[in-house]
C-alpha atoms as a PDB file:
ATOM      1  CA  MET A   1     -75.854  81.433  89.739  1.00  0.00           C
ATOM      2  CA  SER A   2     -74.395  83.674  87.107  1.00  0.00           C
ATOM      3  CA  PRO A   3     -76.659  85.835  84.929  1.00  0.00           C
ATOM      4  CA  LYS A   4     -75.336  83.871  81.918  1.00  0.00           C
ATOM      5  CA  GLU A   5     -76.461  80.533  83.409  1.00  0.00           C
ATOM      6  CA  ILE A   6     -79.874  81.942  84.302  1.00  0.00           C
ATOM      7  CA  ALA A   7     -80.307  83.304  80.762  1.00  0.00           C
ATOM      8  CA  GLN A   8     -79.234  79.949  79.269  1.00  0.00           C
ATOM      9  CA  LEU A   9     -81.769  78.020  81.331  1.00  0.00           C
ATOM     10  CA  ARG A  10     -84.563  80.467  80.524  1.00  0.00           C
ATOM     11  CA  ASP A  11     -83.714  80.180  76.814  1.00  0.00           C
ATOM     12  CA  LEU A  12     -83.838  76.380  77.054  1.00  0.00           C
ATOM     13  CA  GLU A  13     -87.235  76.478  78.771  1.00  0.00           C
ATOM     14  CA  GLU A  14     -88.548  78.956  76.172  1.00  0.00           C
ATOM     15  CA  ASN A  15     -87.235  76.754  73.359  1.00  0.00           C
ATOM     16  CA  LEU A  16     -89.238  73.829  74.694  1.00  0.00           C
ATOM     17  CA  LEU A  17     -92.377  75.953  74.276  1.00  0.00           C
ATOM     18  CA  LYS A  18     -91.711  76.635  70.581  1.00  0.00           C
ATOM     19  CA  PRO A  19     -93.623  74.430  68.111  1.00  0.00           C
ATOM     20  CA  GLU A  20     -90.630  74.074  65.772  1.00  0.00           C
ATOM     21  CA  VAL A  21     -88.487  72.713  68.618  1.00  0.00           C
ATOM     22  CA  ARG A  22     -91.240  70.518  70.065  1.00  0.00           C
ATOM     23  CA  ARG A  23     -91.851  68.816  66.684  1.00  0.00           C
ATOM     24  CA  SER A  24     -88.169  67.941  66.226  1.00  0.00           C
ATOM     25  CA  ALA A  25     -87.345  64.615  67.871  1.00  0.00           C
ATOM     26  CA  ASP A  26     -83.623  65.421  67.565  1.00  0.00           C
ATOM     27  CA  ASN A  27     -83.965  68.808  69.273  1.00  0.00           C
ATOM     28  CA  VAL A  28     -86.041  67.427  72.115  1.00  0.00           C
ATOM     29  CA  ALA A  29     -83.767  64.392  72.520  1.00  0.00           C
ATOM     30  CA  ARG A  30     -80.767  66.713  72.975  1.00  0.00           C
ATOM     31  CA  LEU A  31     -82.593  68.759  75.615  1.00  0.00           C
ATOM     32  CA  LEU A  32     -83.905  65.834  77.674  1.00  0.00           C
ATOM     33  CA  ALA A  33     -81.628  63.518  79.645  1.00  0.00           C
ATOM     34  CA  ASP A  34     -82.007  59.786  79.049  1.00  0.00           C
ATOM     35  CA  GLU A  35     -83.388  59.397  82.588  1.00  0.00           C
ATOM     36  CA  PHE A  36     -85.927  62.231  82.063  1.00  0.00           C
ATOM     37  CA  ILE A  37     -89.325  61.928  83.733  1.00  0.00           C
ATOM     38  CA  GLU A  38     -92.328  64.256  83.636  1.00  0.00           C
ATOM     39  CA  PHE A  39     -95.303  64.526  85.934  1.00  0.00           C
ATOM     40  CA  GLY A  40     -97.804  65.967  83.471  1.00  0.00           C
ATOM     41  CA  SER A  41    -100.616  68.364  84.297  1.00  0.00           C
ATOM     42  CA  SER A  42    -102.917  65.494  83.282  1.00  0.00           C
ATOM     43  CA  GLY A  43    -101.681  63.488  86.261  1.00  0.00           C
ATOM     44  CA  CYS A  44     -99.834  61.027  84.012  1.00  0.00           C
ATOM     45  CA  ILE A  45     -96.129  60.202  84.219  1.00  0.00           C
ATOM     46  CA  PHE A  46     -94.026  60.270  81.037  1.00  0.00           C
ATOM     47  CA  ASN A  47     -90.469  59.232  80.151  1.00  0.00           C
ATOM     48  CA  LYS A  48     -88.219  60.715  77.476  1.00  0.00           C
ATOM     49  CA  SER A  49     -89.381  58.527  74.580  1.00  0.00           C
ATOM     50  CA  GLN A  50     -93.046  59.065  75.439  1.00  0.00           C
ATOM     51  CA  VAL A  51     -92.589  62.844  75.506  1.00  0.00           C
ATOM     52  CA  ILE A  52     -90.727  62.873  72.190  1.00  0.00           C
ATOM     53  CA  SER A  53     -93.433  60.741  70.554  1.00  0.00           C
ATOM     54  CA  SER A  54     -96.244  62.852  72.014  1.00  0.00           C
ATOM     55  CA  LEU A  55     -94.691  66.149  70.938  1.00  0.00           C
ATOM     56  CA  GLN A  56     -94.328  64.940  67.344  1.00  0.00           C
ATOM     57  CA  GLN A  57     -98.098  64.405  67.267  1.00  0.00           C
ATOM     58  CA  GLU A  58     -98.872  67.837  68.692  1.00  0.00           C
ATOM     59  CA  VAL A  59    -100.725  70.273  66.434  1.00  0.00           C
ATOM     60  CA  PRO A  60     -99.636  73.821  67.280  1.00  0.00           C
ATOM     61  CA  GLU A  61    -102.172  76.601  67.545  1.00  0.00           C
ATOM     62  CA  ALA A  62    -100.735  79.368  65.356  1.00  0.00           C
ATOM     63  CA  ALA A  63    -102.285  82.280  67.215  1.00  0.00           C
ATOM     64  CA  VAL A  64    -101.400  81.037  70.695  1.00  0.00           C
ATOM     65  CA  ARG A  65     -98.281  82.237  72.447  1.00  0.00           C
ATOM     66  CA  ILE A  66     -97.129  80.947  75.782  1.00  0.00           C
ATOM     67  CA  SER A  67     -95.087  83.309  77.900  1.00  0.00           C
ATOM     68  CA  ILE A  68     -92.929  82.671  80.951  1.00  0.00           C
ATOM     69  CA  GLU A  69     -93.342  84.723  84.124  1.00  0.00           C
ATOM     70  CA  ASP A  70     -91.816  84.587  87.613  1.00  0.00           C
ATOM     71  CA  PHE A  71     -88.737  82.682  86.404  1.00  0.00           C
ATOM     72  CA  VAL A  72     -86.522  81.594  89.330  1.00  0.00           C
ATOM     73  CA  THR A  73     -83.440  79.362  89.464  1.00  0.00           C
ATOM     74  CA  ARG A  74     -82.049  77.593  92.528  1.00  0.00           C
ATOM     75  CA  ARG A  75     -78.830  75.596  92.524  1.00  0.00           C
ATOM     76  CA  ILE A  76     -79.501  72.332  94.378  1.00  0.00           C
ATOM     77  CA  ALA A  77     -76.149  70.604  93.737  1.00  0.00           C
ATOM     78  CA  PRO A  78     -72.876  71.610  92.015  1.00  0.00           C
ATOM     79  CA  HIS A  79     -74.168  70.925  88.479  1.00  0.00           C
ATOM     80  CA  VAL A  80     -77.911  70.700  89.150  1.00  0.00           C
ATOM     81  CA  VAL A  81     -80.467  73.526  89.073  1.00  0.00           C
ATOM     82  CA  LEU A  82     -84.159  73.698  89.953  1.00  0.00           C
ATOM     83  CA  VAL A  83     -86.086  76.100  87.713  1.00  0.00           C
ATOM     84  CA  THR A  84     -89.586  77.298  88.623  1.00  0.00           C
ATOM     85  CA  TYR A  85     -91.882  79.595  86.684  1.00  0.00           C
ATOM     86  CA  ARG A  86     -95.433  80.253  85.514  1.00  0.00           C
ATOM     87  CA  THR A  87     -96.625  79.926  81.919  1.00  0.00           C
ATOM     88  CA  VAL A  88     -99.492  82.020  80.592  1.00  0.00           C
ATOM     89  CA  ARG A  89    -101.410  81.284  77.377  1.00  0.00           C
ATOM     90  CA  SER A  90    -102.115  84.361  75.251  1.00  0.00           C
ATOM     91  CA  ASP A  91    -105.574  83.175  74.158  1.00  0.00           C
ATOM     92  CA  THR A  92    -107.126  82.165  77.484  1.00  0.00           C
ATOM     93  CA  ALA A  93    -104.743  83.557  80.127  1.00  0.00           C
ATOM     94  CA  ALA A  94    -104.691  79.998  81.542  1.00  0.00           C
ATOM     95  CA  GLN A  95    -101.706  79.527  83.777  1.00  0.00           C
ATOM     96  CA  ARG A  96     -99.575  76.585  84.809  1.00  0.00           C
ATOM     97  CA  LEU A  97     -96.953  76.378  87.499  1.00  0.00           C
ATOM     98  CA  ARG A  98     -93.870  74.672  86.140  1.00  0.00           C
ATOM     99  CA  SER A  99     -90.767  73.175  87.675  1.00  0.00           C
ATOM    100  CA  SER A 100     -87.782  71.592  85.971  1.00  0.00           C
ATOM    101  CA  ILE A 101     -84.534  70.109  87.138  1.00  0.00           C
ATOM    102  CA  TRP A 102     -81.580  70.638  84.810  1.00  0.00           C
ATOM    103  CA  LYS A 103     -78.123  69.060  85.051  1.00  0.00           C
ATOM    104  CA  PHE A 104     -74.962  70.318  83.387  1.00  0.00           C
ATOM    105  CA  GLU A 105     -73.077  67.380  81.929  1.00  0.00           C
ATOM    106  CA  ASP A 106     -70.725  66.911  78.992  1.00  0.00           C
ATOM    107  CA  GLY A 107     -70.696  70.659  78.355  1.00  0.00           C
ATOM    108  CA  ARG A 108     -74.475  71.162  78.088  1.00  0.00           C
ATOM    109  CA  TRP A 109     -77.650  71.470  80.103  1.00  0.00           C
ATOM    110  CA  GLN A 110     -80.192  68.639  79.991  1.00  0.00           C
ATOM    111  CA  MET A 111     -83.566  68.435  81.696  1.00  0.00           C
ATOM    112  CA  VAL A 112     -83.982  65.431  83.987  1.00  0.00           C
ATOM    113  CA  PHE A 113     -87.390  66.253  85.482  1.00  0.00           C
ATOM    114  CA  HIS A 114     -90.387  68.443  84.679  1.00  0.00           C
ATOM    115  CA  GLN A 115     -93.771  69.030  86.253  1.00  0.00           C
ATOM    116  CA  GLY A 116     -96.674  71.179  85.100  1.00  0.00           C
ATOM    117  CA  THR A 117     -99.566  71.991  87.430  1.00  0.00           C
ATOM    118  CA  PRO A 118    -102.666  74.019  86.538  1.00  0.00           C
ATOM    119  CA  SER A 119    -102.650  77.050  88.815  1.00  0.00           C
ATOM    120  CA  GLY A 120    -106.285  78.087  88.523  1.00  0.00           C
ATOM    121  CA  SER A 121    -105.355  81.766  88.637  1.00  0.00           C
ATOM    122  CA  GLU A 122    -106.278  83.876  85.675  1.00  0.00           C
ATOM    123  CA  LYS A 123    -105.090  87.358  84.816  1.00  0.00           C
ATOM    124  CA  GLY A 124    -107.733  89.844  84.181  1.00  0.00           C
END
């Protein structure tokens, strides 16, 4: 993968962590493919419309930042990429392992799958 593609995908993942993006149904709808599915860290399965609805109800915590670490991309088909990384909350150091599958279609990247798993490891 080119450095430009890797940077684009990291930017897209970081955007999905930003409260102003998460609250915008239009922004999220553009980033998620119609066939999107998520295996949530809660153990529940969500589709695109459920995620959009849920994110609009989310109340952001102003002092909390979530950072991305160990970001890795792997091309799994000509226009499909698996992204894996770890998120770390600034307030608790709680970590989640994350994986997403992105497809490049109609001139843009869209997420088709996401999974978040509590990692149990804390920095400190």
